[in-house]
Amino acid sequence: SHAAQFGLHTKYKPGDPYQQKKLEESQRRIYSLGLYNTVLVRPLTSQMEEGKVPVQVEVGERSRYTTRVGVGYGTEDQFRFQASWTLRRFLGDLRLLALSAKYSALLLGVSAALTQPHFIDRKSNLYDTVEARRDTLEAYTTDSLDNRAIIDRVLTPAWTVYAGHRLQLTRLRNVT
């Protein structure tokens, strides 16, 4: 539910003293989920009782799916094409799955990326990307399979630490 998702991303807990800065940070965090086109977090000061200020959160839902397609032409890569499809709330919750493909005279590639917010706790996220690609250059061709996994942990609004791995298998072919 929205309320459960907002609770994980707000700086407020019931009974906390009112601070405009906390409202702004809560709004920024909810928007950064990528699930909403608009987010408005505002105090309802006209409904204040016993020193407590109710807070209203309004969101504009973003489409669950996003599709992008691009075509072009370059002197080196000639005709090029790329497409991507993104699914929000993959397997429920806040997960995001992005699939993409690229094609040109120099590159053929496909990738899948998974983003898992709150991987260990509410301040950590998992990003995992798998990519297969073929790069065709004048002197050689490479076929590669790549996996990148990163876990981040937000320490403060200005500091985030990252740990991860990258595993890449590459085969060199058609060397001239």
Protein backbone atom coordinates (compact mmCIF):
# COMPACT_ATOMS: atom_id res chain seq x y z
CA SER A 1 0.00 0.00 0.00
CA HIS A 2 1.04 3.60 -0.45
CA ALA A 3 0.92 4.23 3.29
CA ALA A 4 3.33 1.37 3.99
CA GLN A 5 5.70 2.55 1.25
CA PHE A 6 5.56 6.15 2.48
CA GLY A 7 6.30 5.08 6.05
CA LEU A 8 9.62 3.63 4.93
CA HIS A 9 10.60 6.83 3.16
CA THR A 10 9.48 9.62 5.44
CA LYS A 11 11.66 11.35 7.98
CA TYR A 12 8.68 11.58 10.33
CA LYS A 13 7.31 9.24 12.93
CA PRO A 14 3.94 9.92 14.61
CA GLY A 15 4.44 12.45 17.37
CA ASP A 16 7.66 13.98 15.98
CA PRO A 17 7.88 17.78 16.19
CA TYR A 18 6.97 19.60 12.98
CA GLN A 19 9.94 20.58 10.78
CA GLN A 20 9.54 21.85 7.21
CA LYS A 21 12.96 20.41 6.29
CA LYS A 22 11.77 16.90 7.25
CA LEU A 23 8.67 17.30 5.07
CA GLU A 24 10.83 18.32 2.11
CA GLU A 25 13.19 15.37 2.65
CA SER A 26 10.22 12.98 2.89
CA GLN A 27 8.84 14.34 -0.38
CA ARG A 28 12.24 13.90 -2.08
CA ARG A 29 12.56 10.31 -0.82
CA ILE A 30 9.08 9.30 -1.98
CA TYR A 31 9.65 10.86 -5.41
CA SER A 32 13.03 9.10 -5.76
CA LEU A 33 11.23 5.73 -5.70
CA GLY A 34 10.43 6.34 -9.37
CA LEU A 35 6.84 5.16 -8.89
CA TYR A 36 5.16 8.56 -9.05
CA ASN A 37 5.09 11.44 -11.53
CA THR A 38 4.23 13.91 -8.79
CA VAL A 39 4.59 13.92 -5.04
CA LEU A 40 3.25 16.59 -2.74
CA VAL A 41 3.80 16.37 1.02
CA ARG A 42 2.20 19.22 2.93
CA PRO A 43 1.22 20.08 6.48
CA LEU A 44 -2.47 20.61 7.21
CA THR A 45 -1.87 23.43 9.67
CA SER A 46 -5.57 24.37 9.65
CA GLN A 47 -6.33 20.96 11.21
CA MET A 48 -3.70 21.22 13.95
CA GLU A 49 -4.84 19.88 17.33
CA GLU A 50 -2.94 19.84 20.62
CA GLY A 51 0.26 20.87 18.86
CA LYS A 52 0.02 18.01 16.32
CA VAL A 53 0.07 18.85 12.62
CA PRO A 54 -1.46 16.27 10.27
CA VAL A 55 0.51 15.70 7.06
CA GLN A 56 -1.10 14.97 3.71
CA VAL A 57 0.73 13.03 1.00
CA GLU A 58 -0.61 13.29 -2.56
CA VAL A 59 0.91 11.31 -5.40
CA GLY A 60 0.31 11.02 -9.13
CA GLU A 61 0.81 7.40 -10.16
CA ARG A 62 3.39 6.72 -12.82
CA SER A 63 2.56 4.08 -15.40
CA ARG A 64 3.62 0.60 -14.32
CA TYR A 65 5.32 0.12 -17.69
CA THR A 66 7.61 2.37 -19.69
CA THR A 67 8.65 1.62 -23.25
CA ARG A 68 11.32 3.59 -25.12
CA VAL A 69 12.47 3.21 -28.69
CA GLY A 70 15.18 5.11 -30.50
CA VAL A 71 16.60 5.02 -34.01
CA GLY A 72 19.43 6.93 -35.57
CA TYR A 73 22.30 6.98 -37.97
CA GLY A 74 26.00 7.66 -37.40
CA THR A 75 28.97 7.65 -39.75
CA GLU A 76 30.75 4.92 -37.76
CA ASP A 77 27.93 2.76 -36.44
CA GLN A 78 25.57 3.50 -39.36
CA PHE A 79 21.92 2.58 -38.66
CA ARG A 80 21.34 2.17 -34.93
CA PHE A 81 18.37 1.07 -32.92
CA GLN A 82 17.67 0.75 -29.22
CA ALA A 83 14.64 -0.21 -27.20
CA SER A 84 13.91 -0.60 -23.51
CA TRP A 85 11.01 -1.76 -21.39
CA THR A 86 10.71 -1.04 -17.68
CA LEU A 87 8.34 -2.72 -15.24
CA ARG A 88 7.74 -1.02 -11.90
CA ARG A 89 6.56 -3.06 -8.91
CA PHE A 90 8.11 -6.21 -10.45
CA LEU A 91 6.91 -9.17 -8.34
CA GLY A 92 5.09 -6.64 -6.18
CA ASP A 93 6.63 -4.15 -3.76
CA LEU A 94 9.15 -1.58 -5.03
CA ARG A 95 11.26 -3.77 -7.35
CA LEU A 96 12.07 -2.49 -10.81
CA LEU A 97 12.97 -4.62 -13.84
CA ALA A 98 14.43 -3.01 -16.96
CA LEU A 99 15.06 -4.90 -20.21
CA SER A 100 16.93 -3.31 -23.09
CA ALA A 101 18.39 -4.09 -26.51
CA LYS A 102 20.78 -2.22 -28.81
CA TYR A 103 21.76 -2.82 -32.41
CA SER A 104 24.15 -1.13 -34.84
CA ALA A 105 26.89 -2.11 -37.25
CA LEU A 106 29.28 -2.02 -34.27
CA LEU A 107 27.18 -3.36 -31.40
CA LEU A 108 24.54 -5.98 -30.69
CA GLY A 109 23.49 -6.23 -27.07
CA VAL A 110 20.74 -7.15 -24.63
CA SER A 111 20.55 -6.50 -20.90
CA ALA A 112 18.34 -7.05 -17.87
CA ALA A 113 18.61 -4.91 -14.75
CA LEU A 114 16.91 -5.49 -11.40
CA THR A 115 16.68 -2.87 -8.67
CA GLN A 116 15.65 -4.08 -5.21
CA PRO A 117 15.12 -1.23 -2.75
CA HIS A 118 15.42 -2.07 0.96
CA PHE A 119 17.55 -5.11 0.22
CA ILE A 120 18.87 -5.60 3.75
CA ASP A 121 17.10 -2.74 5.49
CA ARG A 122 15.45 0.51 4.46
CA LYS A 123 18.79 2.23 3.87
CA SER A 124 20.28 -0.35 1.50
CA ASN A 125 19.51 -1.27 -2.12
CA LEU A 126 20.58 -3.99 -4.53
CA TYR A 127 21.31 -3.35 -8.22
CA ASP A 128 22.01 -6.34 -10.46
CA THR A 129 22.60 -6.15 -14.22
CA VAL A 130 23.27 -8.94 -16.70
CA GLU A 131 24.37 -8.01 -20.21
CA ALA A 132 25.32 -9.97 -23.32
CA ARG A 133 26.90 -8.08 -26.19
CA ARG A 134 28.92 -8.35 -29.37
CA ASP A 135 31.20 -5.49 -30.39
CA THR A 136 32.34 -5.63 -34.00
CA LEU A 137 35.30 -3.42 -34.80
CA GLU A 138 37.49 -3.24 -37.88
CA ALA A 139 40.37 -5.17 -36.23
CA TYR A 140 38.43 -7.67 -34.07
CA THR A 141 35.12 -8.80 -32.63
CA THR A 142 34.37 -9.41 -28.95
CA ASP A 143 31.56 -11.45 -27.45
CA SER A 144 30.99 -10.76 -23.78
CA LEU A 145 28.73 -11.73 -20.91
CA ASP A 146 28.78 -9.34 -17.99
CA ASN A 147 27.23 -9.35 -14.51
CA ARG A 148 27.41 -6.37 -12.16
CA ALA A 149 25.91 -6.48 -8.69
CA ILE A 150 26.09 -3.57 -6.26
CA ILE A 151 24.70 -3.04 -2.79
CA ASP A 152 24.58 0.51 -1.54
CA ARG A 153 23.99 1.81 1.94
CA VAL A 154 22.97 5.38 2.65
CA LEU A 155 24.89 6.68 5.65
CA THR A 156 23.76 10.31 5.50
CA PRO A 157 22.07 12.40 2.79
CA ALA A 158 25.57 13.26 1.52
CA TRP A 159 27.33 9.89 2.02
CA THR A 160 26.55 6.52 0.46
CA VAL A 161 28.88 3.51 0.47
CA TYR A 162 28.91 0.86 -2.25
CA ALA A 163 30.14 -2.74 -2.41
CA GLY A 164 29.80 -5.03 -5.36
CA HIS A 165 31.34 -7.22 -7.98
CA ARG A 166 31.71 -7.38 -11.71
CA LEU A 167 32.17 -10.65 -13.52
CA GLN A 168 32.91 -10.43 -17.22
CA LEU A 169 33.61 -13.21 -19.67
CA THR A 170 34.95 -12.01 -23.02
CA ARG A 171 35.95 -13.89 -26.12
CA LEU A 172 38.07 -12.22 -28.78
CA ARG A 173 37.38 -13.30 -32.38
CA ASN A 174 38.21 -12.36 -35.97
CA VAL A 175 41.47 -10.63 -35.10
CA THR A 176 43.10 -9.15 -38.21
